[in-house]
Amino acid sequence: MLLIHCPYCEEDRSELEFRWAGEAHIARPENIAAISDEEFAEYFFLRNNEKGLTYERWRHIHGCGRFFNAARDTVSDRFLMTYKAGLPKQALPETGASEKTVETYEATEGDAR
């Protein structure tokens, strides 16, 4: 079981209390009525879905009910940090977790592509 830190409740809680809410820091077009159908489809439907470090929105559904952002490694499923919604994308603290962690995992697991 994963423990996720809620930046509003200031405590680590079971992953069962949270729901994933998509990629974080998606900029909404200023005048959405003026964009083309292709631009709207790109904004609304297309996401990066990258392997490794990703910034996501989460909601503490069975706690305070608030949305927050998280930096998570999708390879190890480890949360590197969480921070309040509305803040700009945060730099990762120096904890030793880096892209080297992902490279080591890929090399040892023999990831097939």
C-alpha atoms as a PDB file:
ATOM      1  CA  MET A   1       0.000   0.000   0.000  1.00  0.00           C
ATOM      2  CA  LEU A   2       1.186   3.503  -0.821  1.00  0.00           C
ATOM      3  CA  LEU A   3       1.144   6.355   1.650  1.00  0.00           C
ATOM      4  CA  ILE A   4       0.400   9.735   0.084  1.00  0.00           C
ATOM      5  CA  HIS A   5       1.096  13.029   1.843  1.00  0.00           C
ATOM      6  CA  CYS A   6      -1.797  15.495   1.694  1.00  0.00           C
ATOM      7  CA  PRO A   7      -0.348  19.032   1.757  1.00  0.00           C
ATOM      8  CA  TYR A   8      -3.576  20.382   3.266  1.00  0.00           C
ATOM      9  CA  CYS A   9      -4.146  17.815   6.022  1.00  0.00           C
ATOM     10  CA  GLU A  10      -0.363  17.656   6.629  1.00  0.00           C
ATOM     11  CA  GLU A  11      -0.341  13.894   7.109  1.00  0.00           C
ATOM     12  CA  ASP A  12       0.429  10.718   5.190  1.00  0.00           C
ATOM     13  CA  ARG A  13      -2.653   8.662   4.416  1.00  0.00           C
ATOM     14  CA  SER A  14      -3.468   5.415   2.590  1.00  0.00           C
ATOM     15  CA  GLU A  15      -3.693   5.545  -1.200  1.00  0.00           C
ATOM     16  CA  LEU A  16      -7.306   4.326  -0.832  1.00  0.00           C
ATOM     17  CA  GLU A  17      -8.282   7.836   0.328  1.00  0.00           C
ATOM     18  CA  PHE A  18      -7.079   9.481  -2.896  1.00  0.00           C
ATOM     19  CA  ARG A  19      -8.058   9.634  -6.567  1.00  0.00           C
ATOM     20  CA  TRP A  20      -5.836  10.450  -9.526  1.00  0.00           C
ATOM     21  CA  ALA A  21      -7.120  13.471 -11.479  1.00  0.00           C
ATOM     22  CA  GLY A  22      -4.848  13.672 -14.522  1.00  0.00           C
ATOM     23  CA  GLU A  23      -1.786  15.584 -15.593  1.00  0.00           C
ATOM     24  CA  ALA A  24      -1.012  18.763 -13.655  1.00  0.00           C
ATOM     25  CA  HIS A  25      -0.202  22.225 -14.981  1.00  0.00           C
ATOM     26  CA  ILE A  26      -2.314  22.084 -18.158  1.00  0.00           C
ATOM     27  CA  ALA A  27      -2.809  25.666 -19.359  1.00  0.00           C
ATOM     28  CA  ARG A  28      -6.384  26.392 -20.448  1.00  0.00           C
ATOM     29  CA  PRO A  29      -6.616  28.470 -23.651  1.00  0.00           C
ATOM     30  CA  GLU A  30      -7.473  32.116 -22.896  1.00  0.00           C
ATOM     31  CA  ASN A  31     -10.369  32.275 -25.355  1.00  0.00           C
ATOM     32  CA  ILE A  32     -11.499  28.676 -25.739  1.00  0.00           C
ATOM     33  CA  ALA A  33     -14.344  29.645 -28.108  1.00  0.00           C
ATOM     34  CA  ALA A  34     -11.844  31.052 -30.616  1.00  0.00           C
ATOM     35  CA  ILE A  35      -9.633  27.972 -31.004  1.00  0.00           C
ATOM     36  CA  SER A  36      -9.983  25.385 -33.771  1.00  0.00           C
ATOM     37  CA  ASP A  37     -11.407  21.903 -33.228  1.00  0.00           C
ATOM     38  CA  GLU A  38      -7.890  20.456 -33.571  1.00  0.00           C
ATOM     39  CA  GLU A  39      -6.491  22.840 -30.947  1.00  0.00           C
ATOM     40  CA  PHE A  40      -9.398  22.022 -28.617  1.00  0.00           C
ATOM     41  CA  ALA A  41      -8.837  18.273 -29.074  1.00  0.00           C
ATOM     42  CA  GLU A  42      -5.135  18.730 -28.293  1.00  0.00           C
ATOM     43  CA  TYR A  43      -5.909  20.749 -25.151  1.00  0.00           C
ATOM     44  CA  PHE A  44      -8.749  18.542 -23.909  1.00  0.00           C
ATOM     45  CA  PHE A  45      -7.688  15.006 -24.828  1.00  0.00           C
ATOM     46  CA  LEU A  46      -3.942  14.751 -25.482  1.00  0.00           C
ATOM     47  CA  ARG A  47      -1.550  14.236 -22.577  1.00  0.00           C
ATOM     48  CA  ASN A  48       2.163  13.418 -22.361  1.00  0.00           C
ATOM     49  CA  ASN A  49       1.901  10.076 -20.501  1.00  0.00           C
ATOM     50  CA  GLU A  50       5.657   9.926 -20.070  1.00  0.00           C
ATOM     51  CA  LYS A  51       7.557   7.154 -18.351  1.00  0.00           C
ATOM     52  CA  GLY A  52       9.455   8.395 -15.295  1.00  0.00           C
ATOM     53  CA  LEU A  53       8.934  11.722 -13.547  1.00  0.00           C
ATOM     54  CA  THR A  54       5.476  13.185 -14.038  1.00  0.00           C
ATOM     55  CA  TYR A  55       3.476  15.961 -12.394  1.00  0.00           C
ATOM     56  CA  GLU A  56      -0.106  14.966 -11.584  1.00  0.00           C
ATOM     57  CA  ARG A  57      -3.254  16.251  -9.907  1.00  0.00           C
ATOM     58  CA  TRP A  58      -4.691  14.199  -7.064  1.00  0.00           C
ATOM     59  CA  ARG A  59      -7.734  14.611  -4.833  1.00  0.00           C
ATOM     60  CA  HIS A  60      -7.979  13.627  -1.177  1.00  0.00           C
ATOM     61  CA  ILE A  61     -11.453  12.236  -1.744  1.00  0.00           C
ATOM     62  CA  HIS A  62     -11.979  10.617   1.690  1.00  0.00           C
ATOM     63  CA  GLY A  63     -10.246  13.360   3.652  1.00  0.00           C
ATOM     64  CA  CYS A  64     -10.323  17.100   3.099  1.00  0.00           C
ATOM     65  CA  GLY A  65     -11.691  16.675  -0.445  1.00  0.00           C
ATOM     66  CA  ARG A  66      -9.167  19.109  -1.931  1.00  0.00           C
ATOM     67  CA  PHE A  67      -7.093  18.821  -5.080  1.00  0.00           C
ATOM     68  CA  PHE A  68      -3.302  18.995  -4.912  1.00  0.00           C
ATOM     69  CA  ASN A  69      -0.327  18.356  -7.185  1.00  0.00           C
ATOM     70  CA  ALA A  70       2.223  15.582  -6.898  1.00  0.00           C
ATOM     71  CA  ALA A  71       5.523  14.722  -8.537  1.00  0.00           C
ATOM     72  CA  ARG A  72       5.594  10.953  -9.028  1.00  0.00           C
ATOM     73  CA  ASP A  73       7.947   8.468 -10.641  1.00  0.00           C
ATOM     74  CA  THR A  74       5.708   6.277 -12.821  1.00  0.00           C
ATOM     75  CA  VAL A  75       8.333   3.523 -13.010  1.00  0.00           C
ATOM     76  CA  SER A  76       8.684   2.935  -9.268  1.00  0.00           C
ATOM     77  CA  ASP A  77       5.228   4.421  -8.422  1.00  0.00           C
ATOM     78  CA  ARG A  78       6.962   6.514  -5.763  1.00  0.00           C
ATOM     79  CA  PHE A  79       5.690   9.950  -4.784  1.00  0.00           C
ATOM     80  CA  LEU A  80       8.634  12.349  -4.722  1.00  0.00           C
ATOM     81  CA  MET A  81       6.692  15.324  -3.350  1.00  0.00           C
ATOM     82  CA  THR A  82       3.219  16.847  -3.051  1.00  0.00           C
ATOM     83  CA  TYR A  83       2.235  20.508  -2.991  1.00  0.00           C
ATOM     84  CA  LYS A  84      -0.904  22.639  -2.908  1.00  0.00           C
ATOM     85  CA  ALA A  85      -2.972  23.263  -6.040  1.00  0.00           C
ATOM     86  CA  GLY A  86      -2.503  26.666  -7.628  1.00  0.00           C
ATOM     87  CA  LEU A  87       1.230  26.754  -7.034  1.00  0.00           C
ATOM     88  CA  PRO A  88       3.541  26.676 -10.055  1.00  0.00           C
ATOM     89  CA  LYS A  89       5.391  23.463 -10.911  1.00  0.00           C
ATOM     90  CA  GLN A  90       7.809  22.855  -8.033  1.00  0.00           C
ATOM     91  CA  ALA A  91      11.425  21.790  -8.374  1.00  0.00           C
ATOM     92  CA  LEU A  92      12.220  18.443  -6.806  1.00  0.00           C
ATOM     93  CA  PRO A  93      14.082  18.500  -3.514  1.00  0.00           C
ATOM     94  CA  GLU A  94      17.539  16.921  -3.589  1.00  0.00           C
ATOM     95  CA  THR A  95      16.728  13.502  -2.141  1.00  0.00           C
ATOM     96  CA  GLY A  96      18.876  11.331  -4.352  1.00  0.00           C
ATOM     97  CA  ALA A  97      15.889  10.476  -6.555  1.00  0.00           C
ATOM     98  CA  SER A  98      16.761  11.366 -10.096  1.00  0.00           C
ATOM     99  CA  GLU A  99      16.623  10.065 -13.622  1.00  0.00           C
ATOM    100  CA  LYS A 100      19.509   7.746 -12.704  1.00  0.00           C
ATOM    101  CA  THR A 101      17.058   5.797 -10.533  1.00  0.00           C
ATOM    102  CA  VAL A 102      14.850   5.222 -13.567  1.00  0.00           C
ATOM    103  CA  GLU A 103      17.812   4.276 -15.792  1.00  0.00           C
ATOM    104  CA  THR A 104      18.988   1.681 -13.248  1.00  0.00           C
ATOM    105  CA  TYR A 105      15.499   0.188 -13.046  1.00  0.00           C
ATOM    106  CA  GLU A 106      15.198  -0.016 -16.832  1.00  0.00           C
ATOM    107  CA  ALA A 107      18.613  -1.641 -17.183  1.00  0.00           C
ATOM    108  CA  THR A 108      17.952  -4.297 -14.519  1.00  0.00           C
ATOM    109  CA  GLU A 109      14.374  -5.085 -15.525  1.00  0.00           C
ATOM    110  CA  GLY A 110      15.131  -5.375 -19.259  1.00  0.00           C
ATOM    111  CA  ASP A 111      12.223  -3.210 -20.314  1.00  0.00           C
ATOM    112  CA  ALA A 112      10.969  -4.458 -23.718  1.00  0.00           C
ATOM    113  CA  ARG A 113       9.918  -1.828 -26.237  1.00  0.00           C
END
